[in-house]
């Protein structure tokens, strides 16, 4: 089970965007990276291309670049503090993520 999932709110704890919070848009588990909304904005110079019948517009495109997963911490939805993630097994045998600060279930 992953500690950070798509849709979670995370806070950046290292780098140029230190302290910013945002929602996880994508998780790349093989590279151990996450893409967070409005964080780590990069610019890419796009050339005009022909993709089938569509024409890709040229110009400078801004997009969210992936961050390393160790540079973000999960924000607990209950206590709204950044926290480490623990795991616990429920009564019905399901494994759930748990906030280490307040003890509330995250899932």
C-alpha atoms as a PDB file:
ATOM      1  CA  UNK A   1       0.000   0.000   0.000  1.00  0.00           C
ATOM      2  CA  UNK A   2       1.299   3.436  -0.911  1.00  0.00           C
ATOM      3  CA  UNK A   3       1.758   6.229   1.586  1.00  0.00           C
ATOM      4  CA  UNK A   4       0.752   8.956  -0.890  1.00  0.00           C
ATOM      5  CA  UNK A   5      -2.077   8.458  -3.378  1.00  0.00           C
ATOM      6  CA  UNK A   6      -3.740  10.458  -6.147  1.00  0.00           C
ATOM      7  CA  UNK A   7      -6.146  13.042  -4.682  1.00  0.00           C
ATOM      8  CA  UNK A   8      -4.266  13.456  -1.370  1.00  0.00           C
ATOM      9  CA  UNK A   9      -3.266  16.911  -0.152  1.00  0.00           C
ATOM     10  CA  UNK A  10       0.469  17.205   0.443  1.00  0.00           C
ATOM     11  CA  UNK A  11       2.878  19.897   1.625  1.00  0.00           C
ATOM     12  CA  UNK A  12       6.333  20.460   0.129  1.00  0.00           C
ATOM     13  CA  UNK A  13       9.046  20.141   2.814  1.00  0.00           C
ATOM     14  CA  UNK A  14      12.160  20.772   0.682  1.00  0.00           C
ATOM     15  CA  UNK A  15      13.131  22.728  -2.415  1.00  0.00           C
ATOM     16  CA  UNK A  16      12.133  25.980  -4.058  1.00  0.00           C
ATOM     17  CA  UNK A  17       8.416  25.504  -3.324  1.00  0.00           C
ATOM     18  CA  UNK A  18       8.915  24.895   0.406  1.00  0.00           C
ATOM     19  CA  UNK A  19       5.659  25.230   2.374  1.00  0.00           C
ATOM     20  CA  UNK A  20       3.265  25.090  -0.591  1.00  0.00           C
ATOM     21  CA  UNK A  21       0.289  22.743  -0.401  1.00  0.00           C
ATOM     22  CA  UNK A  22      -1.504  21.098  -3.276  1.00  0.00           C
ATOM     23  CA  UNK A  23      -3.395  18.068  -4.478  1.00  0.00           C
ATOM     24  CA  UNK A  24      -1.556  15.074  -5.922  1.00  0.00           C
ATOM     25  CA  UNK A  25      -2.419  14.783  -9.612  1.00  0.00           C
ATOM     26  CA  UNK A  26      -0.305  11.718 -10.446  1.00  0.00           C
ATOM     27  CA  UNK A  27       1.868   9.208  -8.609  1.00  0.00           C
ATOM     28  CA  UNK A  28       4.833   7.633 -10.394  1.00  0.00           C
ATOM     29  CA  UNK A  29       5.743   4.699  -8.096  1.00  0.00           C
ATOM     30  CA  UNK A  30       8.558   3.281 -10.259  1.00  0.00           C
ATOM     31  CA  UNK A  31      10.437   6.592 -10.165  1.00  0.00           C
ATOM     32  CA  UNK A  32       9.284   7.372  -6.578  1.00  0.00           C
ATOM     33  CA  UNK A  33       7.874  10.732  -7.696  1.00  0.00           C
ATOM     34  CA  UNK A  34       4.598  12.655  -7.422  1.00  0.00           C
ATOM     35  CA  UNK A  35       3.048  15.452  -9.477  1.00  0.00           C
ATOM     36  CA  UNK A  36       1.381  18.136  -7.334  1.00  0.00           C
ATOM     37  CA  UNK A  37      -1.009  20.812  -8.628  1.00  0.00           C
ATOM     38  CA  UNK A  38       0.488  24.331  -8.893  1.00  0.00           C
ATOM     39  CA  UNK A  39       3.864  23.189  -7.456  1.00  0.00           C
ATOM     40  CA  UNK A  40       7.236  22.848  -9.241  1.00  0.00           C
ATOM     41  CA  UNK A  41       6.107  24.706 -12.362  1.00  0.00           C
ATOM     42  CA  UNK A  42       8.488  24.180 -15.292  1.00  0.00           C
ATOM     43  CA  UNK A  43       8.554  25.822 -18.727  1.00  0.00           C
ATOM     44  CA  UNK A  44       8.934  23.960 -21.981  1.00  0.00           C
ATOM     45  CA  UNK A  45       9.521  25.533 -25.398  1.00  0.00           C
ATOM     46  CA  UNK A  46       7.139  23.767 -27.786  1.00  0.00           C
ATOM     47  CA  UNK A  47       7.717  23.624 -31.551  1.00  0.00           C
ATOM     48  CA  UNK A  48       4.744  23.531 -33.924  1.00  0.00           C
ATOM     49  CA  UNK A  49       3.908  19.906 -34.791  1.00  0.00           C
ATOM     50  CA  UNK A  50       1.402  18.018 -36.867  1.00  0.00           C
ATOM     51  CA  UNK A  51      -0.295  15.264 -34.824  1.00  0.00           C
ATOM     52  CA  UNK A  52      -2.687  13.570 -37.236  1.00  0.00           C
ATOM     53  CA  UNK A  53      -5.211  16.204 -38.237  1.00  0.00           C
ATOM     54  CA  UNK A  54      -4.485  18.387 -35.216  1.00  0.00           C
ATOM     55  CA  UNK A  55      -1.920  21.162 -35.185  1.00  0.00           C
ATOM     56  CA  UNK A  56      -0.039  21.593 -31.855  1.00  0.00           C
ATOM     57  CA  UNK A  57       0.383  25.286 -31.109  1.00  0.00           C
ATOM     58  CA  UNK A  58       3.936  26.579 -30.664  1.00  0.00           C
ATOM     59  CA  UNK A  59       5.030  28.650 -27.690  1.00  0.00           C
ATOM     60  CA  UNK A  60       6.151  28.336 -24.103  1.00  0.00           C
ATOM     61  CA  UNK A  61       4.140  25.794 -22.121  1.00  0.00           C
ATOM     62  CA  UNK A  62       4.042  25.748 -18.320  1.00  0.00           C
ATOM     63  CA  UNK A  63       3.435  22.412 -16.598  1.00  0.00           C
ATOM     64  CA  UNK A  64       3.838  20.723 -13.215  1.00  0.00           C
ATOM     65  CA  UNK A  65       7.069  18.725 -13.113  1.00  0.00           C
ATOM     66  CA  UNK A  66       7.343  15.647 -10.861  1.00  0.00           C
ATOM     67  CA  UNK A  67       8.774  16.003  -7.345  1.00  0.00           C
ATOM     68  CA  UNK A  68      10.591  13.282  -5.436  1.00  0.00           C
ATOM     69  CA  UNK A  69       8.245  11.648  -2.935  1.00  0.00           C
ATOM     70  CA  UNK A  70      10.662  12.301  -0.066  1.00  0.00           C
ATOM     71  CA  UNK A  71      10.219  16.061  -0.566  1.00  0.00           C
ATOM     72  CA  UNK A  72       6.494  16.024   0.267  1.00  0.00           C
ATOM     73  CA  UNK A  73       4.498  15.103   3.383  1.00  0.00           C
ATOM     74  CA  UNK A  74       0.871  14.104   3.585  1.00  0.00           C
ATOM     75  CA  UNK A  75      -1.556  16.603   5.160  1.00  0.00           C
ATOM     76  CA  UNK A  76      -4.086  14.957   7.474  1.00  0.00           C
ATOM     77  CA  UNK A  77      -7.661  15.800   6.386  1.00  0.00           C
ATOM     78  CA  UNK A  78      -8.856  15.839  10.016  1.00  0.00           C
ATOM     79  CA  UNK A  79      -6.185  17.837  11.889  1.00  0.00           C
ATOM     80  CA  UNK A  80      -4.823  19.630   8.744  1.00  0.00           C
ATOM     81  CA  UNK A  81      -1.229  19.182   9.943  1.00  0.00           C
ATOM     82  CA  UNK A  82       1.487  17.599   7.856  1.00  0.00           C
ATOM     83  CA  UNK A  83       2.108  14.152   9.213  1.00  0.00           C
ATOM     84  CA  UNK A  84       3.874  10.858   8.738  1.00  0.00           C
ATOM     85  CA  UNK A  85       1.732   7.963   7.602  1.00  0.00           C
ATOM     86  CA  UNK A  86       1.164   4.845   9.666  1.00  0.00           C
ATOM     87  CA  UNK A  87      -0.792   1.705   8.863  1.00  0.00           C
ATOM     88  CA  UNK A  88      -3.383  -0.216  10.839  1.00  0.00           C
ATOM     89  CA  UNK A  89      -5.648  -3.169  10.122  1.00  0.00           C
ATOM     90  CA  UNK A  90      -9.371  -2.521  10.640  1.00  0.00           C
ATOM     91  CA  UNK A  91     -11.822  -4.892  12.293  1.00  0.00           C
ATOM     92  CA  UNK A  92     -12.871  -6.174   8.870  1.00  0.00           C
ATOM     93  CA  UNK A  93      -9.239  -6.976   7.964  1.00  0.00           C
ATOM     94  CA  UNK A  94      -8.579  -4.042   5.607  1.00  0.00           C
ATOM     95  CA  UNK A  95      -5.280  -2.179   5.844  1.00  0.00           C
ATOM     96  CA  UNK A  96      -5.812   1.601   6.206  1.00  0.00           C
ATOM     97  CA  UNK A  97      -3.531   4.621   6.383  1.00  0.00           C
ATOM     98  CA  UNK A  98      -3.447   6.425   9.746  1.00  0.00           C
ATOM     99  CA  UNK A  99      -2.341   9.933  10.790  1.00  0.00           C
ATOM    100  CA  UNK A 100       0.567   9.658  13.239  1.00  0.00           C
ATOM    101  CA  UNK A 101      -0.374  12.896  15.009  1.00  0.00           C
ATOM    102  CA  UNK A 102      -4.094  12.529  15.712  1.00  0.00           C
ATOM    103  CA  UNK A 103      -4.616   8.822  15.036  1.00  0.00           C
ATOM    104  CA  UNK A 104      -7.471   9.351  12.555  1.00  0.00           C
ATOM    105  CA  UNK A 105      -7.936   7.137   9.506  1.00  0.00           C
ATOM    106  CA  UNK A 106      -6.892   8.835   6.264  1.00  0.00           C
ATOM    107  CA  UNK A 107      -8.687   6.438   3.878  1.00  0.00           C
END
